[in-house]
Amino acid sequence: MSGKFELKKAKDGQFHFNLLATNGQVILSSEMYKAKDSALNGIESVRKNSQREGAFETKTSSNDKHYFLLMATNGQVVGQSQMYASAASCKSGIESVQKNAPSAVIDDQTS
């Protein structure tokens, strides 16, 4: 089984998606989008940018947890990871996005 994008609709009517690894764990979450087409464009941006050199920025939160941001070429955040206990596990999360995003199917749960 490959990874998948879960496209969802929030209670306020906005759209968002999560990229799940083959084990079902969320490895990347999107921002909220007003339109479904915008969320689908966000998924395509994740597919493209996950393969681009320098697209990932690693960060450390105020409680010393590690996370990463996936950036578009225009500098906008395309997605954010969960919090990781170590820098090594954060790096593994990036590698999982790089591996799973290009071929991940879209599971549209908005209907």
N, C-alpha and C. Protein backbone atom coordinates (compact mmCIF):
# COMPACT_ATOMS: atom_id res chain seq x y z
N MET A 1 0.84 -1.19 0.00
CA MET A 1 0.00 0.00 0.00
C MET A 1 0.88 1.24 0.00
N SER A 2 0.46 2.24 -0.77
CA SER A 2 1.21 3.49 -0.78
C SER A 2 0.53 4.50 0.14
N GLY A 3 1.17 5.62 0.31
CA GLY A 3 0.59 6.67 1.13
C GLY A 3 -0.65 7.24 0.45
N LYS A 4 -1.38 8.09 1.19
CA LYS A 4 -2.55 8.72 0.59
C LYS A 4 -2.80 10.09 1.19
N PHE A 5 -3.46 10.91 0.39
CA PHE A 5 -3.92 12.21 0.84
C PHE A 5 -5.37 12.06 1.25
N GLU A 6 -5.71 12.43 2.47
CA GLU A 6 -7.10 12.47 2.91
C GLU A 6 -7.58 13.91 2.80
N LEU A 7 -8.52 14.13 1.89
CA LEU A 7 -9.11 15.46 1.68
C LEU A 7 -10.40 15.52 2.50
N LYS A 8 -10.48 16.53 3.37
CA LYS A 8 -11.62 16.62 4.30
C LYS A 8 -12.24 18.02 4.27
N LYS A 9 -13.47 18.07 4.74
CA LYS A 9 -14.17 19.34 4.86
C LYS A 9 -14.40 19.61 6.35
N ALA A 10 -13.98 20.78 6.80
CA ALA A 10 -14.14 21.15 8.22
C ALA A 10 -15.57 21.61 8.50
N LYS A 11 -15.91 21.71 9.77
CA LYS A 11 -17.25 22.13 10.17
C LYS A 11 -17.62 23.51 9.61
N ASP A 12 -16.61 24.37 9.45
CA ASP A 12 -16.88 25.72 8.94
C ASP A 12 -16.95 25.78 7.41
N GLY A 13 -16.88 24.61 6.75
CA GLY A 13 -17.01 24.56 5.30
C GLY A 13 -15.71 24.66 4.54
N GLN A 14 -14.61 24.87 5.24
CA GLN A 14 -13.32 24.95 4.57
C GLN A 14 -12.75 23.55 4.35
N PHE A 15 -11.77 23.47 3.46
CA PHE A 15 -11.16 22.20 3.08
C PHE A 15 -9.72 22.12 3.56
N HIS A 16 -9.28 20.91 3.86
CA HIS A 16 -7.89 20.68 4.26
C HIS A 16 -7.55 19.23 3.94
N PHE A 17 -6.25 18.93 3.97
CA PHE A 17 -5.83 17.56 3.71
C PHE A 17 -4.68 17.16 4.62
N ASN A 18 -4.56 15.85 4.78
CA ASN A 18 -3.42 15.24 5.48
C ASN A 18 -2.78 14.25 4.52
N LEU A 19 -1.47 14.17 4.55
CA LEU A 19 -0.74 13.12 3.85
C LEU A 19 -0.44 12.04 4.86
N LEU A 20 -0.88 10.82 4.57
CA LEU A 20 -0.67 9.68 5.45
C LEU A 20 0.39 8.75 4.86
N ALA A 21 1.26 8.25 5.71
CA ALA A 21 2.26 7.25 5.29
C ALA A 21 1.55 5.91 5.12
N THR A 22 2.29 4.93 4.64
CA THR A 22 1.72 3.60 4.41
C THR A 22 1.17 2.98 5.69
N ASN A 23 1.69 3.38 6.85
CA ASN A 23 1.22 2.84 8.13
C ASN A 23 0.02 3.60 8.69
N GLY A 24 -0.49 4.58 7.93
CA GLY A 24 -1.65 5.34 8.37
C GLY A 24 -1.35 6.56 9.22
N GLN A 25 -0.09 6.78 9.54
CA GLN A 25 0.30 7.94 10.35
C GLN A 25 0.28 9.21 9.51
N VAL A 26 -0.23 10.31 10.09
CA VAL A 26 -0.22 11.61 9.41
C VAL A 26 1.23 12.11 9.40
N ILE A 27 1.73 12.43 8.20
CA ILE A 27 3.10 12.94 8.10
C ILE A 27 3.15 14.39 7.63
N LEU A 28 2.02 14.92 7.13
CA LEU A 28 1.97 16.32 6.70
C LEU A 28 0.52 16.78 6.72
N SER A 29 0.28 17.99 7.23
CA SER A 29 -1.06 18.57 7.25
C SER A 29 -1.04 19.91 6.54
N SER A 30 -2.14 20.20 5.87
CA SER A 30 -2.25 21.44 5.12
C SER A 30 -2.87 22.54 5.96
N GLU A 31 -2.88 23.73 5.38
CA GLU A 31 -3.65 24.84 5.94
C GLU A 31 -5.12 24.63 5.55
N MET A 32 -5.98 25.54 5.94
CA MET A 32 -7.39 25.49 5.55
C MET A 32 -7.56 26.27 4.24
N TYR A 33 -8.38 25.74 3.36
CA TYR A 33 -8.67 26.38 2.08
C TYR A 33 -10.17 26.65 1.99
N LYS A 34 -10.52 27.80 1.41
CA LYS A 34 -11.93 28.16 1.25
C LYS A 34 -12.61 27.29 0.19
N ALA A 35 -11.87 26.89 -0.84
CA ALA A 35 -12.45 26.14 -1.95
C ALA A 35 -11.77 24.78 -2.10
N LYS A 36 -12.54 23.78 -2.52
CA LYS A 36 -12.01 22.44 -2.74
C LYS A 36 -10.92 22.44 -3.79
N ASP A 37 -11.12 23.20 -4.88
CA ASP A 37 -10.10 23.28 -5.93
C ASP A 37 -8.77 23.80 -5.39
N SER A 38 -8.83 24.73 -4.46
CA SER A 38 -7.60 25.25 -3.85
C SER A 38 -6.88 24.17 -3.05
N ALA A 39 -7.65 23.35 -2.34
CA ALA A 39 -7.06 22.24 -1.58
C ALA A 39 -6.43 21.23 -2.53
N LEU A 40 -7.11 20.95 -3.65
CA LEU A 40 -6.54 20.02 -4.64
C LEU A 40 -5.26 20.59 -5.24
N ASN A 41 -5.23 21.90 -5.46
CA ASN A 41 -3.99 22.54 -5.94
C ASN A 41 -2.90 22.41 -4.88
N GLY A 42 -3.27 22.49 -3.60
CA GLY A 42 -2.32 22.31 -2.51
C GLY A 42 -1.70 20.92 -2.53
N ILE A 43 -2.52 19.91 -2.83
CA ILE A 43 -2.02 18.53 -2.92
C ILE A 43 -1.00 18.43 -4.06
N GLU A 44 -1.32 19.03 -5.19
CA GLU A 44 -0.38 19.00 -6.32
C GLU A 44 0.91 19.73 -5.97
N SER A 45 0.80 20.80 -5.20
CA SER A 45 1.98 21.53 -4.76
C SER A 45 2.85 20.67 -3.85
N VAL A 46 2.21 19.88 -2.97
CA VAL A 46 2.97 18.96 -2.11
C VAL A 46 3.69 17.93 -2.97
N ARG A 47 3.00 17.37 -3.97
CA ARG A 47 3.62 16.38 -4.85
C ARG A 47 4.89 16.96 -5.49
N LYS A 48 4.77 18.17 -6.04
CA LYS A 48 5.90 18.80 -6.75
C LYS A 48 7.01 19.23 -5.79
N ASN A 49 6.63 19.99 -4.78
CA ASN A 49 7.63 20.58 -3.90
C ASN A 49 8.34 19.58 -3.01
N SER A 50 7.70 18.44 -2.73
CA SER A 50 8.34 17.42 -1.89
C SER A 50 9.58 16.85 -2.57
N GLN A 51 9.67 17.02 -3.88
CA GLN A 51 10.81 16.49 -4.62
C GLN A 51 11.87 17.56 -4.90
N ARG A 52 11.58 18.79 -4.50
CA ARG A 52 12.47 19.92 -4.79
C ARG A 52 13.53 20.07 -3.71
N GLU A 53 14.76 20.25 -4.14
CA GLU A 53 15.87 20.47 -3.22
C GLU A 53 15.64 21.76 -2.43
N GLY A 54 15.80 21.70 -1.12
CA GLY A 54 15.67 22.89 -0.28
C GLY A 54 14.24 23.28 0.07
N ALA A 55 13.27 22.42 -0.22
CA ALA A 55 11.86 22.76 0.02
C ALA A 55 11.45 22.57 1.48
N PHE A 56 12.22 21.81 2.24
CA PHE A 56 11.86 21.53 3.62
C PHE A 56 12.67 22.40 4.58
N GLU A 57 11.97 22.97 5.56
CA GLU A 57 12.63 23.73 6.63
C GLU A 57 12.35 23.02 7.94
N THR A 58 13.40 22.68 8.66
CA THR A 58 13.20 22.06 9.98
C THR A 58 13.21 23.15 11.05
N LYS A 59 12.38 22.96 12.05
CA LYS A 59 12.22 23.95 13.12
C LYS A 59 12.20 23.22 14.46
N THR A 60 12.40 23.99 15.51
CA THR A 60 12.28 23.48 16.88
C THR A 60 11.28 24.35 17.61
N SER A 61 10.29 23.72 18.24
CA SER A 61 9.25 24.46 18.96
C SER A 61 9.78 24.94 20.31
N SER A 62 8.97 25.74 20.98
CA SER A 62 9.38 26.28 22.29
C SER A 62 9.55 25.19 23.34
N ASN A 63 8.93 24.02 23.13
CA ASN A 63 9.10 22.92 24.10
C ASN A 63 10.09 21.86 23.57
N ASP A 64 10.98 22.30 22.69
CA ASP A 64 12.07 21.48 22.16
C ASP A 64 11.63 20.28 21.33
N LYS A 65 10.43 20.34 20.76
CA LYS A 65 9.99 19.33 19.80
C LYS A 65 10.43 19.78 18.41
N HIS A 66 10.64 18.82 17.52
CA HIS A 66 11.10 19.12 16.17
C HIS A 66 9.95 18.95 15.18
N TYR A 67 9.92 19.79 14.17
CA TYR A 67 8.92 19.68 13.12
C TYR A 67 9.48 20.27 11.84
N PHE A 68 8.78 20.06 10.73
CA PHE A 68 9.23 20.63 9.48
C PHE A 68 8.08 21.29 8.74
N LEU A 69 8.47 22.22 7.88
CA LEU A 69 7.54 22.89 6.98
C LEU A 69 7.95 22.55 5.56
N LEU A 70 6.97 22.33 4.69
CA LEU A 70 7.23 22.16 3.27
C LEU A 70 6.86 23.48 2.62
N MET A 71 7.82 24.08 1.92
CA MET A 71 7.64 25.40 1.35
C MET A 71 7.49 25.32 -0.17
N ALA A 72 6.62 26.17 -0.72
CA ALA A 72 6.50 26.32 -2.17
C ALA A 72 7.62 27.25 -2.65
N THR A 73 7.81 27.31 -3.95
CA THR A 73 8.88 28.16 -4.50
C THR A 73 8.63 29.64 -4.20
N ASN A 74 7.37 30.02 -3.96
CA ASN A 74 7.06 31.43 -3.65
C ASN A 74 7.21 31.74 -2.16
N GLY A 75 7.67 30.77 -1.38
CA GLY A 75 7.91 30.98 0.04
C GLY A 75 6.72 30.68 0.94
N GLN A 76 5.59 30.30 0.35
CA GLN A 76 4.41 29.96 1.15
C GLN A 76 4.54 28.55 1.73
N VAL A 77 3.99 28.36 2.93
CA VAL A 77 3.97 27.04 3.56
C VAL A 77 2.90 26.20 2.87
N VAL A 78 3.30 25.03 2.38
CA VAL A 78 2.38 24.10 1.72
C VAL A 78 1.83 23.09 2.73
N GLY A 79 2.65 22.74 3.72
CA GLY A 79 2.23 21.78 4.73
C GLY A 79 3.16 21.80 5.91
N GLN A 80 2.68 21.27 7.03
CA GLN A 80 3.47 21.20 8.26
C GLN A 80 3.36 19.80 8.83
N SER A 81 4.44 19.36 9.44
CA SER A 81 4.47 18.03 10.04
C SER A 81 3.89 18.06 11.44
N GLN A 82 3.80 16.88 12.01
CA GLN A 82 3.51 16.72 13.43
C GLN A 82 4.77 17.09 14.21
N MET A 83 4.69 17.04 15.52
CA MET A 83 5.86 17.29 16.37
C MET A 83 6.59 15.97 16.60
N TYR A 84 7.91 16.04 16.55
CA TYR A 84 8.76 14.86 16.75
C TYR A 84 9.64 15.08 17.98
N ALA A 85 9.95 14.00 18.68
CA ALA A 85 10.77 14.08 19.88
C ALA A 85 12.23 14.35 19.55
N SER A 86 12.69 13.91 18.38
CA SER A 86 14.10 14.07 18.04
C SER A 86 14.27 14.61 16.63
N ALA A 87 15.44 15.19 16.37
CA ALA A 87 15.77 15.68 15.03
C ALA A 87 15.84 14.53 14.04
N ALA A 88 16.30 13.36 14.49
CA ALA A 88 16.41 12.19 13.62
C ALA A 88 15.03 11.72 13.16
N SER A 89 14.05 11.69 14.07
CA SER A 89 12.71 11.27 13.67
C SER A 89 12.05 12.31 12.77
N CYS A 90 12.38 13.58 12.96
CA CYS A 90 11.89 14.64 12.07
C CYS A 90 12.45 14.42 10.66
N LYS A 91 13.72 14.09 10.56
CA LYS A 91 14.35 13.81 9.27
C LYS A 91 13.68 12.61 8.59
N SER A 92 13.34 11.61 9.36
CA SER A 92 12.63 10.45 8.83
C SER A 92 11.25 10.85 8.29
N GLY A 93 10.61 11.78 8.97
CA GLY A 93 9.31 12.29 8.50
C GLY A 93 9.44 12.97 7.14
N ILE A 94 10.48 13.76 6.97
CA ILE A 94 10.73 14.41 5.68
C ILE A 94 10.93 13.36 4.59
N GLU A 95 11.73 12.36 4.90
CA GLU A 95 11.99 11.29 3.92
C GLU A 95 10.70 10.55 3.57
N SER A 96 9.81 10.39 4.53
CA SER A 96 8.54 9.73 4.28
C SER A 96 7.66 10.56 3.35
N VAL A 97 7.65 11.88 3.54
CA VAL A 97 6.90 12.75 2.63
C VAL A 97 7.48 12.66 1.22
N GLN A 98 8.81 12.71 1.12
CA GLN A 98 9.46 12.62 -0.20
C GLN A 98 9.12 11.31 -0.90
N LYS A 99 9.03 10.25 -0.14
CA LYS A 99 8.75 8.92 -0.70
C LYS A 99 7.27 8.76 -1.07
N ASN A 100 6.37 9.22 -0.19
CA ASN A 100 4.94 8.95 -0.35
C ASN A 100 4.17 9.95 -1.20
N ALA A 101 4.54 11.22 -1.15
CA ALA A 101 3.73 12.26 -1.80
C ALA A 101 3.54 12.07 -3.31
N PRO A 102 4.59 11.76 -4.08
CA PRO A 102 4.40 11.72 -5.54
C PRO A 102 3.34 10.75 -6.03
N SER A 103 3.21 9.60 -5.39
CA SER A 103 2.29 8.57 -5.90
C SER A 103 1.08 8.37 -4.99
N ALA A 104 0.94 9.19 -3.97
CA ALA A 104 -0.18 9.01 -3.04
C ALA A 104 -1.52 9.29 -3.72
N VAL A 105 -2.47 8.40 -3.48
CA VAL A 105 -3.82 8.58 -4.04
C VAL A 105 -4.57 9.60 -3.18
N ILE A 106 -5.62 10.17 -3.75
CA ILE A 106 -6.45 11.13 -3.01
C ILE A 106 -7.72 10.42 -2.54
N ASP A 107 -7.91 10.39 -1.24
CA ASP A 107 -9.10 9.83 -0.62
C ASP A 107 -10.00 11.02 -0.29
N ASP A 108 -10.96 11.30 -1.18
CA ASP A 108 -11.84 12.46 -1.04
C ASP A 108 -12.98 12.12 -0.06
N GLN A 109 -12.90 12.71 1.11
CA GLN A 109 -13.91 12.47 2.16
C GLN A 109 -14.85 13.67 2.34
N THR A 110 -14.94 14.51 1.29
CA THR A 110 -15.71 15.75 1.42
C THR A 110 -17.20 15.59 1.10
N SER A 111 -17.60 14.46 0.54
CA SER A 111 -19.01 14.30 0.15
C SER A 111 -19.86 13.83 1.31
